Amino acid sequence: MSPTIAAKMLDALSERDIALISSLERFRLLSSTQIRRLHFDPTHTRLLTATRSTQRVLGRLEAEGMVSRLQQRVGGHGGGSSSLIWQLGPTGEALLRQRAGGGKRRRYVEPSGMFTRHTLAVADIAIAVIEGTRAGRAELIRLDTEPACWRRYLTSTGIAAWVKPDLHVVTAQADFEDHAFIEVDLGTEHRPQLLAKARAFQRYRTTQTYQDAHGVFPLVIWAVPDQIRLAFLDKTLAADKTLDPGLFRVITLDQTPAALGVDIADPFSRATNDSQKGEPHQ
């Protein structure tokens, strides 16, 4: 796509259109409900109006190749248009790439069910943070998604390593800030994988890199689907006596907004989470 054509197409899009496709670039996948919460709820007073507006805009953007729907749906087949899952379309990707000054073309394919559930769960937490800060529960300082939330560090032996949380959130209330790394766990990882992640966070803390920049180290929050998984992960972390228990907190997905200080009463009585639950437990 030539820069001239891209510029004309961008000019034809509204600010909300560009914000919507940018959200799909940022979060990779979003359900219709999540898109409504991000871009339509703030300007509508009724759920039905916001939902219809969301459907209309998504239909237009899909026809223009800006967005693409997955074959998968939230909760499986059925459920109407609110259960649709979207990703950035080829035209939308090309426009954003031109707008950013180039870059490698991204190849879009139908993701696995596991990837989809995890991605939607991470997005749901991020959107809850955005909604809570919009409502004045806190000031949003930073909300980094992957890979911007990843941190590179050197181990004690000088080897380069990474910690790769799903989200990095910094909010402020009054005169203090809350910092958190968030790991969404849907019950698909085994003990060795979980412990390897926990040890990586603890090693990163010992470098003092984050503390030197911010004065504190983030609480590492593990968000899990249910109490069974919560008990399993708590037990797994506690069994490793080299880990500092004060560094980690395990909670359920629906408890995460409250843990981050951004929980709000929803005027539209939306579902808490767009990710599917009931994953197998290890």
Protein backbone atom coordinates (compact mmCIF):
# COMPACT_ATOMS: atom_id res chain seq x y z
CA MET A 1 0.00 0.00 0.00
CA SER A 2 1.44 3.34 -1.04
CA PRO A 3 1.79 6.16 1.50
CA THR A 4 -0.66 8.27 -0.52
CA ILE A 5 -3.39 5.62 -0.46
CA ALA A 6 -2.76 4.93 3.21
CA ALA A 7 -3.04 8.63 4.04
CA LYS A 8 -6.37 8.90 2.20
CA MET A 9 -7.75 5.84 3.95
CA LEU A 10 -6.65 7.11 7.33
CA ASP A 11 -8.30 10.47 6.65
CA ALA A 12 -11.57 8.62 5.98
CA LEU A 13 -11.48 6.96 9.40
CA SER A 14 -12.82 8.61 12.52
CA GLU A 15 -10.73 9.00 15.67
CA ARG A 16 -12.71 6.17 17.23
CA ASP A 17 -12.09 3.93 14.20
CA ILE A 18 -8.35 4.46 14.54
CA ALA A 19 -8.49 3.94 18.30
CA LEU A 20 -10.42 0.69 17.77
CA ILE A 21 -8.01 -0.83 15.28
CA SER A 22 -5.10 0.37 17.43
CA SER A 23 -6.61 -1.53 20.37
CA LEU A 24 -6.68 -4.69 18.27
CA GLU A 25 -3.03 -4.15 17.42
CA ARG A 26 -2.24 -3.65 21.10
CA PHE A 27 -4.27 -6.53 22.58
CA ARG A 28 -4.11 -8.86 19.54
CA LEU A 29 -7.63 -10.21 20.11
CA LEU A 30 -10.78 -8.63 21.55
CA SER A 31 -14.37 -9.76 21.81
CA SER A 32 -17.23 -7.55 20.65
CA THR A 33 -18.10 -6.95 24.29
CA GLN A 34 -14.58 -5.87 25.13
CA ILE A 35 -14.50 -3.49 22.15
CA ARG A 36 -17.82 -2.04 23.30
CA ARG A 37 -16.45 -1.50 26.80
CA LEU A 38 -13.31 0.21 25.49
CA HIS A 39 -14.71 2.43 22.77
CA PHE A 40 -18.52 2.73 23.01
CA ASP A 41 -19.62 2.54 26.65
CA PRO A 42 -18.00 5.91 27.51
CA THR A 43 -20.17 7.72 24.96
CA HIS A 44 -23.48 5.87 25.47
CA THR A 45 -25.86 5.78 28.41
CA ARG A 46 -27.70 2.58 27.45
CA LEU A 47 -26.28 -0.89 26.86
CA LEU A 48 -28.52 -1.56 23.87
CA THR A 49 -27.43 1.63 22.12
CA ALA A 50 -23.75 0.95 22.81
CA THR A 51 -24.09 -2.64 21.58
CA ARG A 52 -25.83 -1.65 18.35
CA SER A 53 -23.28 1.06 17.67
CA THR A 54 -20.45 -1.44 18.27
CA GLN A 55 -21.99 -3.95 15.86
CA ARG A 56 -22.55 -1.31 13.19
CA VAL A 57 -19.00 0.04 13.32
CA LEU A 58 -17.42 -3.42 13.41
CA GLY A 59 -19.50 -4.45 10.39
CA ARG A 60 -18.29 -1.44 8.44
CA LEU A 61 -14.66 -1.91 9.43
CA GLU A 62 -14.84 -5.60 8.58
CA ALA A 63 -16.16 -4.79 5.10
CA GLU A 64 -13.21 -2.43 4.63
CA GLY A 65 -10.69 -5.08 5.75
CA MET A 66 -9.76 -3.11 8.85
CA VAL A 67 -10.80 -5.89 11.23
CA SER A 68 -11.37 -9.62 10.85
CA ARG A 69 -13.53 -11.96 12.90
CA LEU A 70 -12.32 -15.33 14.13
CA GLN A 71 -14.16 -18.57 13.52
CA GLN A 72 -14.09 -19.07 17.29
CA ARG A 73 -16.56 -17.38 19.58
CA VAL A 74 -16.57 -16.50 23.25
CA GLY A 75 -18.11 -19.49 24.98
CA GLY A 76 -18.29 -21.53 21.78
CA HIS A 77 -20.84 -21.25 18.98
CA GLY A 78 -23.99 -19.27 19.53
CA GLY A 79 -24.41 -16.23 21.73
CA GLY A 80 -25.03 -13.71 18.98
CA SER A 81 -22.77 -10.94 17.77
CA SER A 82 -21.56 -10.10 21.28
CA SER A 83 -19.70 -13.43 21.33
CA LEU A 84 -17.63 -12.64 18.23
CA ILE A 85 -13.85 -12.35 18.57
CA TRP A 86 -11.89 -9.90 16.43
CA GLN A 87 -8.35 -9.32 15.30
CA LEU A 88 -6.75 -6.65 13.16
CA GLY A 89 -7.52 -7.10 9.47
CA PRO A 90 -4.92 -6.94 6.68
CA THR A 91 -5.91 -3.44 5.60
CA GLY A 92 -5.96 -2.16 9.15
CA GLU A 93 -2.56 -3.70 9.79
CA ALA A 94 -1.12 -2.11 6.64
CA LEU A 95 -2.50 1.31 7.60
CA LEU A 96 -1.10 1.19 11.13
CA ARG A 97 2.25 -0.02 9.81
CA GLN A 98 2.39 2.91 7.34
CA ARG A 99 1.33 5.29 10.11
CA ALA A 100 4.17 4.03 12.30
CA GLY A 101 6.69 4.52 9.52
CA GLY A 102 7.04 0.96 8.27
CA GLY A 103 7.97 -2.31 9.87
CA LYS A 104 7.55 -5.98 9.17
CA ARG A 105 4.20 -7.14 7.79
CA ARG A 106 2.31 -9.26 10.26
CA ARG A 107 0.76 -12.55 9.18
CA TYR A 108 -2.69 -13.15 10.61
CA VAL A 109 -3.94 -16.70 11.18
CA GLU A 110 -6.65 -18.32 13.29
CA PRO A 111 -5.06 -18.70 16.75
CA SER A 112 -5.45 -21.76 18.96
CA GLY A 113 -8.26 -21.93 21.46
CA MET A 114 -5.82 -21.83 24.36
CA PHE A 115 -4.11 -18.69 23.01
CA THR A 116 -7.50 -17.06 22.42
CA ARG A 117 -8.78 -17.72 25.95
CA HIS A 118 -5.57 -16.47 27.53
CA THR A 119 -5.39 -13.36 25.35
CA LEU A 120 -9.01 -12.41 26.10
CA ALA A 121 -8.46 -12.95 29.83
CA VAL A 122 -5.44 -10.63 29.82
CA ALA A 123 -7.37 -8.03 27.82
CA ASP A 124 -10.27 -8.26 30.26
CA ILE A 125 -8.04 -7.31 33.17
CA ALA A 126 -6.51 -4.43 31.21
CA ILE A 127 -9.95 -3.14 30.23
CA ALA A 128 -11.12 -3.34 33.85
CA VAL A 129 -8.14 -1.18 34.81
CA ILE A 130 -9.03 1.34 32.11
CA GLU A 131 -12.69 1.39 33.20
CA GLY A 132 -11.76 1.85 36.84
CA THR A 133 -9.42 4.73 36.14
CA ARG A 134 -12.01 6.35 33.87
CA ALA A 135 -14.41 6.22 36.80
CA GLY A 136 -11.87 7.98 39.01
CA ARG A 137 -10.93 5.04 41.24
CA ALA A 138 -7.27 5.72 40.50
CA GLU A 139 -5.00 7.51 38.07
CA LEU A 140 -3.57 5.30 35.35
CA ILE A 141 0.17 5.88 35.13
CA ARG A 142 1.16 2.92 32.93
CA LEU A 143 -0.53 -0.05 31.32
CA ASP A 144 1.95 -2.10 29.33
CA THR A 145 0.92 -5.15 27.32
CA GLU A 146 3.22 -7.74 25.76
CA PRO A 147 5.98 -7.30 24.72
CA ALA A 148 6.33 -3.79 26.21
CA CYS A 149 5.83 -5.23 29.71
CA TRP A 150 8.72 -7.69 29.41
CA ARG A 151 11.94 -6.91 31.26
CA ARG A 152 15.47 -7.99 30.32
CA TYR A 153 18.04 -8.43 33.06
CA LEU A 154 21.43 -10.02 33.75
CA THR A 155 21.68 -12.96 36.13
CA SER A 156 24.37 -13.13 38.82
CA THR A 157 26.54 -15.03 36.33
CA GLY A 158 26.14 -12.32 33.68
CA ILE A 159 23.71 -14.24 31.45
CA ALA A 160 20.94 -12.24 29.79
CA ALA A 161 17.46 -13.37 30.86
CA TRP A 162 13.86 -12.13 30.67
CA VAL A 163 10.80 -11.89 32.83
CA LYS A 164 7.69 -11.93 30.67
CA PRO A 165 4.54 -10.95 32.57
CA ASP A 166 1.26 -10.59 30.72
CA LEU A 167 0.69 -7.04 31.96
CA HIS A 168 2.52 -4.28 33.82
CA VAL A 169 0.20 -1.86 35.63
CA VAL A 170 1.01 1.29 37.57
CA THR A 171 -1.82 3.26 39.17
CA ALA A 172 -1.78 6.16 41.61
CA GLN A 173 -4.08 7.13 44.45
CA ALA A 174 -3.50 10.22 46.57
CA ASP A 175 0.24 10.33 47.23
CA PHE A 176 1.28 6.74 46.50
CA GLU A 177 1.59 4.44 43.50
CA ASP A 178 0.73 0.77 43.09
CA HIS A 179 2.98 -1.28 40.78
CA ALA A 180 2.05 -4.77 39.61
CA PHE A 181 3.21 -7.42 37.20
CA ILE A 182 0.26 -9.62 36.27
CA GLU A 183 0.41 -13.26 35.22
CA VAL A 184 -2.82 -14.78 33.92
CA ASP A 185 -2.83 -18.52 34.56
CA LEU A 186 -5.71 -20.59 33.15
CA GLY A 187 -4.53 -23.88 34.56
CA THR A 188 -2.43 -25.05 31.64
CA GLU A 189 1.09 -24.83 33.10
CA HIS A 190 2.78 -27.45 35.28
CA ARG A 191 4.69 -26.90 38.54
CA PRO A 192 8.15 -26.61 36.94
CA GLN A 193 6.94 -23.88 34.56
CA LEU A 194 5.23 -21.95 37.35
CA LEU A 195 8.26 -22.13 39.62
CA ALA A 196 10.60 -21.09 36.80
CA LYS A 197 8.49 -17.95 36.29
CA ALA A 198 8.39 -17.16 40.00
CA ARG A 199 12.17 -17.57 40.34
CA ALA A 200 12.72 -15.31 37.32
CA PHE A 201 10.70 -12.51 38.96
CA GLN A 202 12.67 -12.91 42.17
CA ARG A 203 16.01 -12.86 40.31
CA TYR A 204 14.91 -9.72 38.47
CA ARG A 205 14.09 -8.07 41.79
CA THR A 206 17.61 -8.75 43.09
CA THR A 207 19.10 -6.71 40.22
CA GLN A 208 17.51 -3.56 41.74
CA THR A 209 16.96 -2.26 38.18
CA TYR A 210 13.27 -1.57 38.63
CA GLN A 211 13.69 -0.20 42.16
CA ASP A 212 16.39 2.24 41.02
CA ALA A 213 13.97 3.67 38.45
CA HIS A 214 10.76 3.65 40.53
CA GLY A 215 11.65 3.26 44.18
CA VAL A 216 9.57 0.09 44.59
CA PHE A 217 9.28 -3.36 43.02
CA PRO A 218 5.92 -4.50 41.61
CA LEU A 219 3.76 -7.03 43.38
CA VAL A 220 3.54 -10.12 41.18
CA ILE A 221 -0.15 -11.01 40.88
CA TRP A 222 -1.17 -14.41 39.57
CA ALA A 223 -4.79 -14.32 38.34
CA VAL A 224 -6.37 -17.77 38.12
CA PRO A 225 -9.84 -19.05 37.09
CA ASP A 226 -11.05 -20.59 40.36
CA GLN A 227 -10.32 -21.53 43.96
CA ILE A 228 -9.00 -24.97 43.03
CA ARG A 229 -6.27 -23.49 40.87
CA LEU A 230 -5.64 -20.78 43.47
CA ALA A 231 -4.99 -23.41 46.15
CA PHE A 232 -2.73 -25.38 43.83
CA LEU A 233 -0.63 -22.35 42.90
CA ASP A 234 -0.42 -21.12 46.50
CA LYS A 235 0.82 -24.56 47.55
CA THR A 236 3.30 -24.70 44.67
CA LEU A 237 4.86 -21.33 45.55
CA ALA A 238 4.91 -22.04 49.28
CA ALA A 239 6.71 -25.35 48.74
CA ASP A 240 9.77 -23.53 47.34
CA LYS A 241 11.41 -22.07 50.46
CA THR A 242 13.78 -19.97 48.34
CA LEU A 243 10.87 -17.79 47.20
CA ASP A 244 9.81 -14.70 49.12
CA PRO A 245 6.06 -15.13 49.78
CA GLY A 246 5.65 -11.37 50.05
CA LEU A 247 6.56 -10.95 46.40
CA PHE A 248 3.55 -12.92 45.09
CA ARG A 249 -0.21 -12.82 45.44
CA VAL A 250 -2.56 -15.41 43.94
CA ILE A 251 -6.17 -14.33 43.30
CA THR A 252 -9.03 -15.29 41.03
CA LEU A 253 -9.63 -13.44 37.79
CA ASP A 254 -12.77 -11.74 39.09
CA GLN A 255 -10.86 -10.46 42.15
CA THR A 256 -8.19 -8.74 40.07
CA PRO A 257 -9.84 -5.31 39.60
CA ALA A 258 -10.39 -5.01 43.36
CA ALA A 259 -6.81 -6.10 44.05
CA LEU A 260 -5.63 -3.33 41.73
CA GLY A 261 -7.93 -0.79 43.39
CA VAL A 262 -10.01 -0.17 40.26
CA ASP A 263 -13.15 -2.24 40.88
CA ILE A 264 -16.36 -0.44 39.92
CA ALA A 265 -20.06 -1.23 39.82
CA ASP A 266 -20.92 -1.76 36.16
CA PRO A 267 -23.90 0.29 34.97
CA PHE A 268 -24.49 -2.19 32.16
CA SER A 269 -24.18 -5.33 34.35
CA ARG A 270 -21.65 -6.85 31.99
CA ALA A 271 -20.14 -10.28 32.42
CA THR A 272 -16.98 -10.18 34.53
CA ASN A 273 -14.73 -12.01 32.12
CA ASP A 274 -14.72 -12.81 28.42
CA SER A 275 -12.33 -15.71 28.79
CA GLN A 276 -13.57 -19.24 29.14
CA LYS A 277 -13.06 -20.89 32.48
CA GLY A 278 -12.85 -24.50 33.46
CA GLU A 279 -9.35 -25.20 32.19
CA PRO A 280 -7.69 -28.40 33.42
CA HIS A 281 -5.74 -28.14 36.67
CA GLN A 282 -2.28 -29.52 37.26
